[in-house]
Amino acid sequence: MNLYLIARKTPTCWVFDHEHQNTVDEALCNGTELAIDWYYQAIEFYLSTEKFKEAMTQINLIESDDVGSYYKDSLSGMEIWLCPWLQGYFGEVPERIYVTCESVGEISEEELDEIMEYIDK
């Protein structure tokens, strides 16, 4: 048997929806949220001013000044602020940046034991 879920983080916890019993905003808690946070505490980003096949989204420049640049993510529609470090790296403030990201890292046995102890309480 398989189960496929998409969890999302709200301001207070991780939740999911599922058609089974018309589940909406079911909380992932009592230690589950700690494991999810652990897996997603480090994210690897790849950004490019040139379009690439694996790009998940693109961010488009809205405005820029001496304290940073505002972009709009084409997938989420959210505004993103990037600091002036970006200009130093690219040598300019790019009009468009293509982005992909994924979680990185592996959980150690000690960290897994800590999570399991917390869940078992």
PDB file of N, CA and C in Angstrom:
ATOM      1  N   MET A   1       0.841  -1.171   0.000  1.00  0.00           N
ATOM      2  CA  MET A   1       0.000   0.000   0.000  1.00  0.00           C
ATOM      3  C   MET A   1       0.887   1.235   0.000  1.00  0.00           C
ATOM      4  N   ASN A   2       0.497   2.225  -0.740  1.00  0.00           N
ATOM      5  CA  ASN A   2       1.263   3.459  -0.836  1.00  0.00           C
ATOM      6  C   ASN A   2       0.386   4.646  -0.475  1.00  0.00           C
ATOM      7  N   LEU A   3       1.018   5.668   0.018  1.00  0.00           N
ATOM      8  CA  LEU A   3       0.323   6.905   0.352  1.00  0.00           C
ATOM      9  C   LEU A   3       1.161   8.060  -0.152  1.00  0.00           C
ATOM     10  N   TYR A   4       0.540   8.967  -0.877  1.00  0.00           N
ATOM     11  CA  TYR A   4       1.216  10.138  -1.409  1.00  0.00           C
ATOM     12  C   TYR A   4       0.594  11.368  -0.777  1.00  0.00           C
ATOM     13  N   LEU A   5       1.411  12.184  -0.132  1.00  0.00           N
ATOM     14  CA  LEU A   5       0.940  13.415   0.506  1.00  0.00           C
ATOM     15  C   LEU A   5       1.817  14.585   0.087  1.00  0.00           C
ATOM     16  N   ILE A   6       1.233  15.734   0.068  1.00  0.00           N
ATOM     17  CA  ILE A   6       1.999  16.963  -0.068  1.00  0.00           C
ATOM     18  C   ILE A   6       1.771  17.755   1.212  1.00  0.00           C
ATOM     19  N   ALA A   7       2.823  17.904   1.987  1.00  0.00           N
ATOM     20  CA  ALA A   7       2.733  18.664   3.233  1.00  0.00           C
ATOM     21  C   ALA A   7       3.147  20.104   2.959  1.00  0.00           C
ATOM     22  N   ARG A   8       2.550  21.022   3.697  1.00  0.00           N
ATOM     23  CA  ARG A   8       2.928  22.432   3.578  1.00  0.00           C
ATOM     24  C   ARG A   8       3.065  23.006   4.976  1.00  0.00           C
ATOM     25  N   LYS A   9       3.956  23.953   5.098  1.00  0.00           N
ATOM     26  CA  LYS A   9       4.200  24.556   6.399  1.00  0.00           C
ATOM     27  C   LYS A   9       3.320  25.788   6.550  1.00  0.00           C
ATOM     28  N   THR A  10       2.573  25.826   7.633  1.00  0.00           N
ATOM     29  CA  THR A  10       1.774  26.995   7.975  1.00  0.00           C
ATOM     30  C   THR A  10       2.564  27.781   9.017  1.00  0.00           C
ATOM     31  N   PRO A  11       2.083  28.940   9.445  1.00  0.00           N
ATOM     32  CA  PRO A  11       2.807  29.675  10.485  1.00  0.00           C
ATOM     33  C   PRO A  11       2.970  28.901  11.797  1.00  0.00           C
ATOM     34  N   THR A  12       2.109  27.895  12.022  1.00  0.00           N
ATOM     35  CA  THR A  12       2.173  27.182  13.298  1.00  0.00           C
ATOM     36  C   THR A  12       2.639  25.734  13.201  1.00  0.00           C
ATOM     37  N   CYS A  13       2.452  25.067  12.040  1.00  0.00           N
ATOM     38  CA  CYS A  13       2.845  23.666  11.929  1.00  0.00           C
ATOM     39  C   CYS A  13       2.802  23.207  10.473  1.00  0.00           C
ATOM     40  N   TRP A  14       3.214  21.969  10.249  1.00  0.00           N
ATOM     41  CA  TRP A  14       3.084  21.331   8.939  1.00  0.00           C
ATOM     42  C   TRP A  14       1.710  20.682   8.871  1.00  0.00           C
ATOM     43  N   VAL A  15       1.038  20.786   7.708  1.00  0.00           N
ATOM     44  CA  VAL A  15      -0.291  20.193   7.521  1.00  0.00           C
ATOM     45  C   VAL A  15      -0.371  19.534   6.138  1.00  0.00           C
ATOM     46  N   PHE A  16      -1.393  18.698   5.960  1.00  0.00           N
ATOM     47  CA  PHE A  16      -1.657  18.128   4.642  1.00  0.00           C
ATOM     48  C   PHE A  16      -3.151  17.970   4.423  1.00  0.00           C
ATOM     49  N   ASP A  17      -3.540  17.874   3.159  1.00  0.00           N
ATOM     50  CA  ASP A  17      -4.909  17.581   2.749  1.00  0.00           C
ATOM     51  C   ASP A  17      -4.884  16.220   2.060  1.00  0.00           C
ATOM     52  N   HIS A  18      -6.007  15.511   2.112  1.00  0.00           N
ATOM     53  CA  HIS A  18      -6.100  14.237   1.403  1.00  0.00           C
ATOM     54  C   HIS A  18      -7.570  13.921   1.180  1.00  0.00           C
ATOM     55  N   GLU A  19      -7.860  13.265   0.075  1.00  0.00           N
ATOM     56  CA  GLU A  19      -9.253  12.933  -0.242  1.00  0.00           C
ATOM     57  C   GLU A  19      -9.852  11.916   0.726  1.00  0.00           C
ATOM     58  N   HIS A  20      -9.016  11.099   1.370  1.00  0.00           N
ATOM     59  CA  HIS A  20      -9.509  10.121   2.342  1.00  0.00           C
ATOM     60  C   HIS A  20     -10.214  10.854   3.486  1.00  0.00           C
ATOM     61  N   GLN A  21     -11.467  10.576   3.674  1.00  0.00           N
ATOM     62  CA  GLN A  21     -12.295  11.206   4.708  1.00  0.00           C
ATOM     63  C   GLN A  21     -12.300  12.729   4.591  1.00  0.00           C
ATOM     64  N   ASN A  22     -12.112  13.232   3.383  1.00  0.00           N
ATOM     65  CA  ASN A  22     -12.115  14.679   3.128  1.00  0.00           C
ATOM     66  C   ASN A  22     -11.200  15.430   4.091  1.00  0.00           C
ATOM     67  N   THR A  23     -10.001  14.910   4.268  1.00  0.00           N
ATOM     68  CA  THR A  23      -9.035  15.483   5.200  1.00  0.00           C
ATOM     69  C   THR A  23      -8.535  16.833   4.691  1.00  0.00           C
ATOM     70  N   VAL A  24      -8.611  17.837   5.570  1.00  0.00           N
ATOM     71  CA  VAL A  24      -8.135  19.188   5.245  1.00  0.00           C
ATOM     72  C   VAL A  24      -7.321  19.709   6.423  1.00  0.00           C
ATOM     73  N   ASP A  25      -6.123  20.202   6.136  1.00  0.00           N
ATOM     74  CA  ASP A  25      -5.242  20.796   7.149  1.00  0.00           C
ATOM     75  C   ASP A  25      -4.986  19.872   8.338  1.00  0.00           C
ATOM     76  N   GLU A  26      -4.743  18.596   8.055  1.00  0.00           N
ATOM     77  CA  GLU A  26      -4.404  17.648   9.116  1.00  0.00           C
ATOM     78  C   GLU A  26      -2.991  17.954   9.596  1.00  0.00           C
ATOM     79  N   ALA A  27      -2.855  18.192  10.893  1.00  0.00           N
ATOM     80  CA  ALA A  27      -1.560  18.580  11.455  1.00  0.00           C
ATOM     81  C   ALA A  27      -0.603  17.402  11.527  1.00  0.00           C
ATOM     82  N   LEU A  28       0.638  17.669  11.195  1.00  0.00           N
ATOM     83  CA  LEU A  28       1.731  16.713  11.396  1.00  0.00           C
ATOM     84  C   LEU A  28       2.457  17.203  12.637  1.00  0.00           C
ATOM     85  N   CYS A  29       2.267  16.515  13.766  1.00  0.00           N
ATOM     86  CA  CYS A  29       2.745  17.036  15.040  1.00  0.00           C
ATOM     87  C   CYS A  29       3.301  15.927  15.927  1.00  0.00           C
ATOM     88  N   ASN A  30       3.550  16.258  17.181  1.00  0.00           N
ATOM     89  CA  ASN A  30       4.064  15.315  18.173  1.00  0.00           C
ATOM     90  C   ASN A  30       5.393  14.685  17.756  1.00  0.00           C
ATOM     91  N   GLY A  31       6.243  15.499  17.150  1.00  0.00           N
ATOM     92  CA  GLY A  31       7.570  15.050  16.747  1.00  0.00           C
ATOM     93  C   GLY A  31       7.729  14.935  15.243  1.00  0.00           C
ATOM     94  N   THR A  32       6.625  14.678  14.544  1.00  0.00           N
ATOM     95  CA  THR A  32       6.700  14.574  13.085  1.00  0.00           C
ATOM     96  C   THR A  32       7.219  15.879  12.487  1.00  0.00           C
ATOM     97  N   GLU A  33       6.750  16.997  13.018  1.00  0.00           N
ATOM     98  CA  GLU A  33       7.187  18.305  12.504  1.00  0.00           C
ATOM     99  C   GLU A  33       8.686  18.516  12.692  1.00  0.00           C
ATOM    100  N   LEU A  34       9.238  17.938  13.752  1.00  0.00           N
ATOM    101  CA  LEU A  34      10.681  18.059  13.992  1.00  0.00           C
ATOM    102  C   LEU A  34      11.468  17.309  12.918  1.00  0.00           C
ATOM    103  N   ALA A  35      10.982  16.133  12.560  1.00  0.00           N
ATOM    104  CA  ALA A  35      11.652  15.359  11.516  1.00  0.00           C
ATOM    105  C   ALA A  35      11.559  16.086  10.177  1.00  0.00           C
ATOM    106  N   ILE A  36      10.385  16.623   9.859  1.00  0.00           N
ATOM    107  CA  ILE A  36      10.232  17.361   8.604  1.00  0.00           C
ATOM    108  C   ILE A  36      11.154  18.573   8.599  1.00  0.00           C
ATOM    109  N   ASP A  37      11.168  19.327   9.695  1.00  0.00           N
ATOM    110  CA  ASP A  37      12.054  20.493   9.789  1.00  0.00           C
ATOM    111  C   ASP A  37      13.512  20.086   9.622  1.00  0.00           C
ATOM    112  N   TRP A  38      13.882  18.932  10.194  1.00  0.00           N
ATOM    113  CA  TRP A  38      15.264  18.491  10.070  1.00  0.00           C
ATOM    114  C   TRP A  38      15.615  18.261   8.604  1.00  0.00           C
ATOM    115  N   TYR A  39      14.737  17.565   7.890  1.00  0.00           N
ATOM    116  CA  TYR A  39      15.011  17.272   6.485  1.00  0.00           C
ATOM    117  C   TYR A  39      15.070  18.534   5.642  1.00  0.00           C
ATOM    118  N   TYR A  40      14.341  19.536   6.024  1.00  0.00           N
ATOM    119  CA  TYR A  40      14.282  20.748   5.217  1.00  0.00           C
ATOM    120  C   TYR A  40      14.983  21.930   5.865  1.00  0.00           C
ATOM    121  N   GLN A  41      15.949  21.653   6.731  1.00  0.00           N
ATOM    122  CA  GLN A  41      16.700  22.740   7.345  1.00  0.00           C
ATOM    123  C   GLN A  41      17.810  23.236   6.438  1.00  0.00           C
ATOM    124  N   ALA A  42      18.232  22.444   5.493  1.00  0.00           N
ATOM    125  CA  ALA A  42      19.257  22.847   4.546  1.00  0.00           C
ATOM    126  C   ALA A  42      18.734  22.607   3.138  1.00  0.00           C
ATOM    127  N   ILE A  43      18.785  23.637   2.339  1.00  0.00           N
ATOM    128  CA  ILE A  43      18.288  23.555   0.972  1.00  0.00           C
ATOM    129  C   ILE A  43      19.398  23.992   0.024  1.00  0.00           C
ATOM    130  N   GLU A  44      19.598  23.196  -0.991  1.00  0.00           N
ATOM    131  CA  GLU A  44      20.596  23.500  -2.007  1.00  0.00           C
ATOM    132  C   GLU A  44      19.906  24.255  -3.138  1.00  0.00           C
ATOM    133  N   PHE A  45      20.422  25.436  -3.453  1.00  0.00           N
ATOM    134  CA  PHE A  45      19.865  26.257  -4.522  1.00  0.00           C
ATOM    135  C   PHE A  45      20.819  26.299  -5.707  1.00  0.00           C
ATOM    136  N   TYR A  46      20.276  26.310  -6.888  1.00  0.00           N
ATOM    137  CA  TYR A  46      21.051  26.569  -8.092  1.00  0.00           C
ATOM    138  C   TYR A  46      20.339  27.692  -8.823  1.00  0.00           C
ATOM    139  N   LEU A  47      21.053  28.798  -9.040  1.00  0.00           N
ATOM    140  CA  LEU A  47      20.493  29.970  -9.700  1.00  0.00           C
ATOM    141  C   LEU A  47      21.314  30.270 -10.943  1.00  0.00           C
ATOM    142  N   SER A  48      20.632  30.678 -11.987  1.00  0.00           N
ATOM    143  CA  SER A  48      21.313  30.992 -13.231  1.00  0.00           C
ATOM    144  C   SER A  48      20.569  32.107 -13.956  1.00  0.00           C
ATOM    145  N   THR A  49      21.325  32.943 -14.645  1.00  0.00           N
ATOM    146  CA  THR A  49      20.710  33.966 -15.490  1.00  0.00           C
ATOM    147  C   THR A  49      20.344  33.375 -16.851  1.00  0.00           C
ATOM    148  N   GLU A  50      20.761  32.147 -17.094  1.00  0.00           N
ATOM    149  CA  GLU A  50      20.426  31.454 -18.335  1.00  0.00           C
ATOM    150  C   GLU A  50      19.448  30.320 -18.037  1.00  0.00           C
ATOM    151  N   LYS A  51      18.426  30.188 -18.868  1.00  0.00           N
ATOM    152  CA  LYS A  51      17.418  29.147 -18.672  1.00  0.00           C
ATOM    153  C   LYS A  51      18.078  27.770 -18.729  1.00  0.00           C
ATOM    154  N   PHE A  52      17.673  26.873 -17.824  1.00  0.00           N
ATOM    155  CA  PHE A  52      18.171  25.508 -17.832  1.00  0.00           C
ATOM    156  C   PHE A  52      17.006  24.556 -17.611  1.00  0.00           C
ATOM    157  N   LYS A  53      17.145  23.343 -18.111  1.00  0.00           N
ATOM    158  CA  LYS A  53      16.059  22.356 -18.153  1.00  0.00           C
ATOM    159  C   LYS A  53      15.463  22.045 -16.780  1.00  0.00           C
ATOM    160  N   GLU A  54      16.304  21.976 -15.744  1.00  0.00           N
ATOM    161  CA  GLU A  54      15.830  21.570 -14.418  1.00  0.00           C
ATOM    162  C   GLU A  54      15.247  22.725 -13.600  1.00  0.00           C
ATOM    163  N   ALA A  55      15.203  23.918 -14.147  1.00  0.00           N
ATOM    164  CA  ALA A  55      14.700  25.078 -13.396  1.00  0.00           C
ATOM    165  C   ALA A  55      13.262  24.828 -12.942  1.00  0.00           C
ATOM    166  N   MET A  56      13.013  25.082 -11.658  1.00  0.00           N
ATOM    167  CA  MET A  56      11.678  24.915 -11.090  1.00  0.00           C
ATOM    168  C   MET A  56      10.830  26.160 -11.326  1.00  0.00           C
ATOM    169  N   THR A  57      11.492  27.305 -11.324  1.00  0.00           N
ATOM    170  CA  THR A  57      10.794  28.574 -11.462  1.00  0.00           C
ATOM    171  C   THR A  57      11.766  29.622 -11.969  1.00  0.00           C
ATOM    172  N   GLN A  58      11.235  30.790 -12.232  1.00  0.00           N
ATOM    173  CA  GLN A  58      12.076  31.936 -12.539  1.00  0.00           C
ATOM    174  C   GLN A  58      11.586  33.096 -11.694  1.00  0.00           C
ATOM    175  N   ILE A  59      12.521  33.934 -11.287  1.00  0.00           N
ATOM    176  CA  ILE A  59      12.143  35.139 -10.558  1.00  0.00           C
ATOM    177  C   ILE A  59      12.492  36.331 -11.441  1.00  0.00           C
ATOM    178  N   ASN A  60      11.584  37.295 -11.476  1.00  0.00           N
ATOM    179  CA  ASN A  60      11.715  38.447 -12.357  1.00  0.00           C
ATOM    180  C   ASN A  60      11.843  39.717 -11.535  1.00  0.00           C
ATOM    181  N   LEU A  61      12.809  40.558 -11.914  1.00  0.00           N
ATOM    182  CA  LEU A  61      13.093  41.787 -11.188  1.00  0.00           C
ATOM    183  C   LEU A  61      11.898  42.730 -11.207  1.00  0.00           C
ATOM    184  N   ILE A  62      11.550  43.228 -10.029  1.00  0.00           N
ATOM    185  CA  ILE A  62      10.515  44.248  -9.897  1.00  0.00           C
ATOM    186  C   ILE A  62      11.181  45.608  -9.766  1.00  0.00           C
ATOM    187  N   GLU A  63      12.096  45.701  -8.778  1.00  0.00           N
ATOM    188  CA  GLU A  63      12.841  46.942  -8.567  1.00  0.00           C
ATOM    189  C   GLU A  63      14.107  46.651  -7.782  1.00  0.00           C
ATOM    190  N   SER A  64      15.049  47.581  -7.862  1.00  0.00           N
ATOM    191  CA  SER A  64      16.328  47.394  -7.185  1.00  0.00           C
ATOM    192  C   SER A  64      16.845  48.745  -6.713  1.00  0.00           C
ATOM    193  N   ASP A  65      17.539  48.735  -5.565  1.00  0.00           N
ATOM    194  CA  ASP A  65      18.203  49.940  -5.069  1.00  0.00           C
ATOM    195  C   ASP A  65      19.464  49.522  -4.321  1.00  0.00           C
ATOM    196  N   ASP A  66      20.064  50.431  -3.581  1.00  0.00           N
ATOM    197  CA  ASP A  66      21.328  50.140  -2.902  1.00  0.00           C
ATOM    198  C   ASP A  66      21.207  49.101  -1.787  1.00  0.00           C
ATOM    199  N   VAL A  67      20.005  48.875  -1.269  1.00  0.00           N
ATOM    200  CA  VAL A  67      19.854  47.938  -0.158  1.00  0.00           C
ATOM    201  C   VAL A  67      19.336  46.567  -0.586  1.00  0.00           C
ATOM    202  N   GLY A  68      19.059  46.372  -1.868  1.00  0.00           N
ATOM    203  CA  GLY A  68      18.630  45.068  -2.331  1.00  0.00           C
ATOM    204  C   GLY A  68      17.735  45.138  -3.547  1.00  0.00           C
ATOM    205  N   SER A  69      17.287  43.969  -3.966  1.00  0.00           N
ATOM    206  CA  SER A  69      16.453  43.867  -5.164  1.00  0.00           C
ATOM    207  C   SER A  69      15.211  43.043  -4.854  1.00  0.00           C
ATOM    208  N   TYR A  70      14.081  43.475  -5.371  1.00  0.00           N
ATOM    209  CA  TYR A  70      12.829  42.748  -5.222  1.00  0.00           C
ATOM    210  C   TYR A  70      12.519  42.023  -6.519  1.00  0.00           C
ATOM    211  N   TYR A  71      12.196  40.735  -6.350  1.00  0.00           N
ATOM    212  CA  TYR A  71      11.837  39.887  -7.483  1.00  0.00           C
ATOM    213  C   TYR A  71      10.464  39.290  -7.234  1.00  0.00           C
ATOM    214  N   LYS A  72       9.808  38.871  -8.305  1.00  0.00           N
ATOM    215  CA  LYS A  72       8.546  38.142  -8.175  1.00  0.00           C
ATOM    216  C   LYS A  72       8.762  36.741  -8.719  1.00  0.00           C
ATOM    217  N   ASP A  73       8.414  35.742  -7.896  1.00  0.00           N
ATOM    218  CA  ASP A  73       8.530  34.342  -8.286  1.00  0.00           C
ATOM    219  C   ASP A  73       7.374  34.016  -9.225  1.00  0.00           C
ATOM    220  N   SER A  74       7.690  33.528 -10.419  1.00  0.00           N
ATOM    221  CA  SER A  74       6.647  33.259 -11.410  1.00  0.00           C
ATOM    222  C   SER A  74       5.761  32.075 -11.036  1.00  0.00           C
ATOM    223  N   LEU A  75       6.244  31.154 -10.222  1.00  0.00           N
ATOM    224  CA  LEU A  75       5.451  29.990  -9.839  1.00  0.00           C
ATOM    225  C   LEU A  75       4.517  30.294  -8.670  1.00  0.00           C
ATOM    226  N   SER A  76       5.057  30.849  -7.595  1.00  0.00           N
ATOM    227  CA  SER A  76       4.241  31.112  -6.398  1.00  0.00           C
ATOM    228  C   SER A  76       3.564  32.475  -6.427  1.00  0.00           C
ATOM    229  N   GLY A  77       4.096  33.388  -7.224  1.00  0.00           N
ATOM    230  CA  GLY A  77       3.575  34.751  -7.239  1.00  0.00           C
ATOM    231  C   GLY A  77       4.070  35.588  -6.072  1.00  0.00           C
ATOM    232  N   MET A  78       4.935  35.010  -5.244  1.00  0.00           N
ATOM    233  CA  MET A  78       5.431  35.705  -4.062  1.00  0.00           C
ATOM    234  C   MET A  78       6.570  36.658  -4.428  1.00  0.00           C
ATOM    235  N   GLU A  79       6.669  37.743  -3.650  1.00  0.00           N
ATOM    236  CA  GLU A  79       7.791  38.658  -3.787  1.00  0.00           C
ATOM    237  C   GLU A  79       8.959  38.141  -2.976  1.00  0.00           C
ATOM    238  N   ILE A  80      10.147  38.285  -3.532  1.00  0.00           N
ATOM    239  CA  ILE A  80      11.375  37.820  -2.894  1.00  0.00           C
ATOM    240  C   ILE A  80      12.349  38.983  -2.859  1.00  0.00           C
ATOM    241  N   TRP A  81      12.979  39.206  -1.711  1.00  0.00           N
ATOM    242  CA  TRP A  81      14.009  40.233  -1.590  1.00  0.00           C
ATOM    243  C   TRP A  81      15.364  39.565  -1.572  1.00  0.00           C
ATOM    244  N   LEU A  82      16.276  40.037  -2.395  1.00  0.00           N
ATOM    245  CA  LEU A  82      17.642  39.534  -2.409  1.00  0.00           C
ATOM    246  C   LEU A  82      18.595  40.679  -2.098  1.00  0.00           C
ATOM    247  N   CYS A  83      19.561  40.412  -1.242  1.00  0.00           N
ATOM    248  CA  CYS A  83      20.488  41.448  -0.785  1.00  0.00           C
ATOM    249  C   CYS A  83      21.489  41.837  -1.883  1.00  0.00           C
ATOM    250  N   PRO A  84      22.235  42.928  -1.670  1.00  0.00           N
ATOM    251  CA  PRO A  84      23.193  43.391  -2.677  1.00  0.00           C
ATOM    252  C   PRO A  84      24.318  42.393  -2.988  1.00  0.00           C
ATOM    253  N   TRP A  85      24.497  41.374  -2.169  1.00  0.00           N
ATOM    254  CA  TRP A  85      25.490  40.351  -2.448  1.00  0.00           C
ATOM    255  C   TRP A  85      25.286  39.771  -3.839  1.00  0.00           C
ATOM    256  N   LEU A  86      24.024  39.655  -4.237  1.00  0.00           N
ATOM    257  CA  LEU A  86      23.667  39.115  -5.544  1.00  0.00           C
ATOM    258  C   LEU A  86      24.337  39.900  -6.664  1.00  0.00           C
ATOM    259  N   GLN A  87      24.266  41.223  -6.577  1.00  0.00           N
ATOM    260  CA  GLN A  87      24.874  42.066  -7.603  1.00  0.00           C
ATOM    261  C   GLN A  87      26.385  41.845  -7.644  1.00  0.00           C
ATOM    262  N   GLY A  88      27.003  41.701  -6.477  1.00  0.00           N
ATOM    263  CA  GLY A  88      28.434  41.438  -6.431  1.00  0.00           C
ATOM    264  C   GLY A  88      28.790  40.115  -7.085  1.00  0.00           C
ATOM    265  N   TYR A  89      27.934  39.123  -6.913  1.00  0.00           N
ATOM    266  CA  TYR A  89      28.201  37.811  -7.497  1.00  0.00           C
ATOM    267  C   TYR A  89      28.016  37.828  -9.012  1.00  0.00           C
ATOM    268  N   PHE A  90      26.866  38.326  -9.469  1.00  0.00           N
ATOM    269  CA  PHE A  90      26.569  38.317 -10.895  1.00  0.00           C
ATOM    270  C   PHE A  90      27.222  39.487 -11.646  1.00  0.00           C
ATOM    271  N   GLY A  91      27.703  40.496 -10.908  1.00  0.00           N
ATOM    272  CA  GLY A  91      28.292  41.664 -11.557  1.00  0.00           C
ATOM    273  C   GLY A  91      27.249  42.668 -12.005  1.00  0.00           C
ATOM    274  N   GLU A  92      25.999  42.367 -11.764  1.00  0.00           N
ATOM    275  CA  GLU A  92      24.866  43.237 -12.093  1.00  0.00           C
ATOM    276  C   GLU A  92      23.644  42.709 -11.354  1.00  0.00           C
ATOM    277  N   VAL A  93      22.567  43.427 -11.429  1.00  0.00           N
ATOM    278  CA  VAL A  93      21.300  42.929 -10.896  1.00  0.00           C
ATOM    279  C   VAL A  93      20.562  42.299 -12.079  1.00  0.00           C
ATOM    280  N   PRO A  94      20.471  40.971 -12.112  1.00  0.00           N
ATOM    281  CA  PRO A  94      19.833  40.309 -13.259  1.00  0.00           C
ATOM    282  C   PRO A  94      18.346  40.642 -13.358  1.00  0.00           C
ATOM    283  N   GLU A  95      17.865  40.773 -14.561  1.00  0.00           N
ATOM    284  CA  GLU A  95      16.436  41.012 -14.808  1.00  0.00           C
ATOM    285  C   GLU A  95      15.625  39.754 -14.493  1.00  0.00           C
ATOM    286  N   ARG A  96      16.234  38.581 -14.727  1.00  0.00           N
ATOM    287  CA  ARG A  96      15.540  37.303 -14.541  1.00  0.00           C
ATOM    288  C   ARG A  96      16.560  36.293 -14.033  1.00  0.00           C
ATOM    289  N   ILE A  97      16.134  35.483 -13.066  1.00  0.00           N
ATOM    290  CA  ILE A  97      16.985  34.418 -12.545  1.00  0.00           C
ATOM    291  C   ILE A  97      16.167  33.126 -12.539  1.00  0.00           C
ATOM    292  N   TYR A  98      16.745  32.070 -13.088  1.00  0.00           N
ATOM    293  CA  TYR A  98      16.122  30.747 -13.079  1.00  0.00           C
ATOM    294  C   TYR A  98      16.617  30.008 -11.844  1.00  0.00           C
ATOM    295  N   VAL A  99      15.705  29.289 -11.181  1.00  0.00           N
ATOM    296  CA  VAL A  99      16.014  28.712  -9.875  1.00  0.00           C
ATOM    297  C   VAL A  99      15.540  27.268  -9.788  1.00  0.00           C
ATOM    298  N   THR A 100      16.342  26.437  -9.134  1.00  0.00           N
ATOM    299  CA  THR A 100      15.900  25.125  -8.685  1.00  0.00           C
ATOM    300  C   THR A 100      16.463  24.919  -7.283  1.00  0.00           C
ATOM    301  N   CYS A 101      15.812  24.082  -6.500  1.00  0.00           N
ATOM    302  CA  CYS A 101      16.296  23.816  -5.148  1.00  0.00           C
ATOM    303  C   CYS A 101      15.851  22.432  -4.709  1.00  0.00           C
ATOM    304  N   GLU A 102      16.586  21.898  -3.743  1.00  0.00           N
ATOM    305  CA  GLU A 102      16.218  20.617  -3.150  1.00  0.00           C
ATOM    306  C   GLU A 102      16.834  20.515  -1.772  1.00  0.00           C
ATOM    307  N   SER A 103      16.238  19.679  -0.960  1.00  0.00           N
ATOM    308  CA  SER A 103      16.729  19.456   0.389  1.00  0.00           C
ATOM    309  C   SER A 103      18.041  18.687   0.330  1.00  0.00           C
ATOM    310  N   VAL A 104      18.941  19.009   1.241  1.00  0.00           N
ATOM    311  CA  VAL A 104      20.220  18.296   1.313  1.00  0.00           C
ATOM    312  C   VAL A 104      20.453  17.813   2.729  1.00  0.00           C
ATOM    313  N   GLY A 105      21.306  16.838   2.870  1.00  0.00           N
ATOM    314  CA  GLY A 105      21.674  16.346   4.191  1.00  0.00           C
ATOM    315  C   GLY A 105      21.095  14.979   4.466  1.00  0.00           C
ATOM    316  N   GLU A 106      21.731  14.309   5.374  1.00  0.00           N
ATOM    317  CA  GLU A 106      21.259  13.006   5.819  1.00  0.00           C
ATOM    318  C   GLU A 106      21.121  13.036   7.330  1.00  0.00           C
ATOM    319  N   ILE A 107      20.163  12.320   7.818  1.00  0.00           N
ATOM    320  CA  ILE A 107      19.938  12.274   9.254  1.00  0.00           C
ATOM    321  C   ILE A 107      20.883  11.239   9.874  1.00  0.00           C
ATOM    322  N   SER A 108      21.505  11.611  10.982  1.00  0.00           N
ATOM    323  CA  SER A 108      22.401  10.681  11.675  1.00  0.00           C
ATOM    324  C   SER A 108      21.581   9.770  12.580  1.00  0.00           C
ATOM    325  N   GLU A 109      22.194   8.671  12.999  1.00  0.00           N
ATOM    326  CA  GLU A 109      21.521   7.745  13.916  1.00  0.00           C
ATOM    327  C   GLU A 109      21.166   8.445  15.225  1.00  0.00           C
ATOM    328  N   GLU A 110      22.075   9.294  15.739  1.00  0.00           N
ATOM    329  CA  GLU A 110      21.818  10.014  16.990  1.00  0.00           C
ATOM    330  C   GLU A 110      20.618  10.943  16.844  1.00  0.00           C
ATOM    331  N   GLU A 111      20.550  11.674  15.738  1.00  0.00           N
ATOM    332  CA  GLU A 111      19.427  12.587  15.530  1.00  0.00           C
ATOM    333  C   GLU A 111      18.121  11.815  15.385  1.00  0.00           C
ATOM    334  N   LEU A 112      18.168  10.690  14.689  1.00  0.00           N
ATOM    335  CA  LEU A 112      16.978   9.863  14.553  1.00  0.00           C
ATOM    336  C   LEU A 112      16.519   9.353  15.913  1.00  0.00           C
ATOM    337  N   ASP A 113      17.455   8.904  16.749  1.00  0.00           N
ATOM    338  CA  ASP A 113      17.116   8.436  18.092  1.00  0.00           C
ATOM    339  C   ASP A 113      16.464   9.543  18.917  1.00  0.00           C
ATOM    340  N   GLU A 114      16.998  10.774  18.822  1.00  0.00           N
ATOM    341  CA  GLU A 114      16.429  11.911  19.562  1.00  0.00           C
ATOM    342  C   GLU A 114      14.992  12.171  19.105  1.00  0.00           C
ATOM    343  N   ILE A 115      14.768  12.138  17.809  1.00  0.00           N
ATOM    344  CA  ILE A 115      13.421  12.374  17.285  1.00  0.00           C
ATOM    345  C   ILE A 115      12.477  11.275  17.766  1.00  0.00           C
ATOM    346  N   MET A 116      12.929  10.021  17.696  1.00  0.00           N
ATOM    347  CA  MET A 116      12.087   8.905  18.108  1.00  0.00           C
ATOM    348  C   MET A 116      11.777   8.967  19.607  1.00  0.00           C
ATOM    349  N   GLU A 117      12.745   9.367  20.424  1.00  0.00           N
ATOM    350  CA  GLU A 117      12.490   9.518  21.866  1.00  0.00           C
ATOM    351  C   GLU A 117      11.426  10.574  22.107  1.00  0.00           C
ATOM    352  N   TYR A 118      11.510  11.684  21.374  1.00  0.00           N
ATOM    353  CA  TYR A 118      10.539  12.749  21.522  1.00  0.00           C
ATOM    354  C   TYR A 118       9.145  12.266  21.115  1.00  0.00           C
ATOM    355  N   ILE A 119       9.067  11.532  20.021  1.00  0.00           N
ATOM    356  CA  ILE A 119       7.772  11.026  19.536  1.00  0.00           C
ATOM    357  C   ILE A 119       7.176  10.047  20.542  1.00  0.00           C
ATOM    358  N   ASP A 120       8.007   9.222  21.150  1.00  0.00           N
ATOM    359  CA  ASP A 120       7.531   8.202  22.088  1.00  0.00           C
ATOM    360  C   ASP A 120       7.068   8.758  23.434  1.00  0.00           C
ATOM    361  N   LYS A 121       7.336  10.030  23.713  1.00  0.00           N
ATOM    362  CA  LYS A 121       6.942  10.625  25.001  1.00  0.00           C
ATOM    363  C   LYS A 121       5.457  10.749  25.126  1.00  0.00           C
TER     364      LYS A 121
END
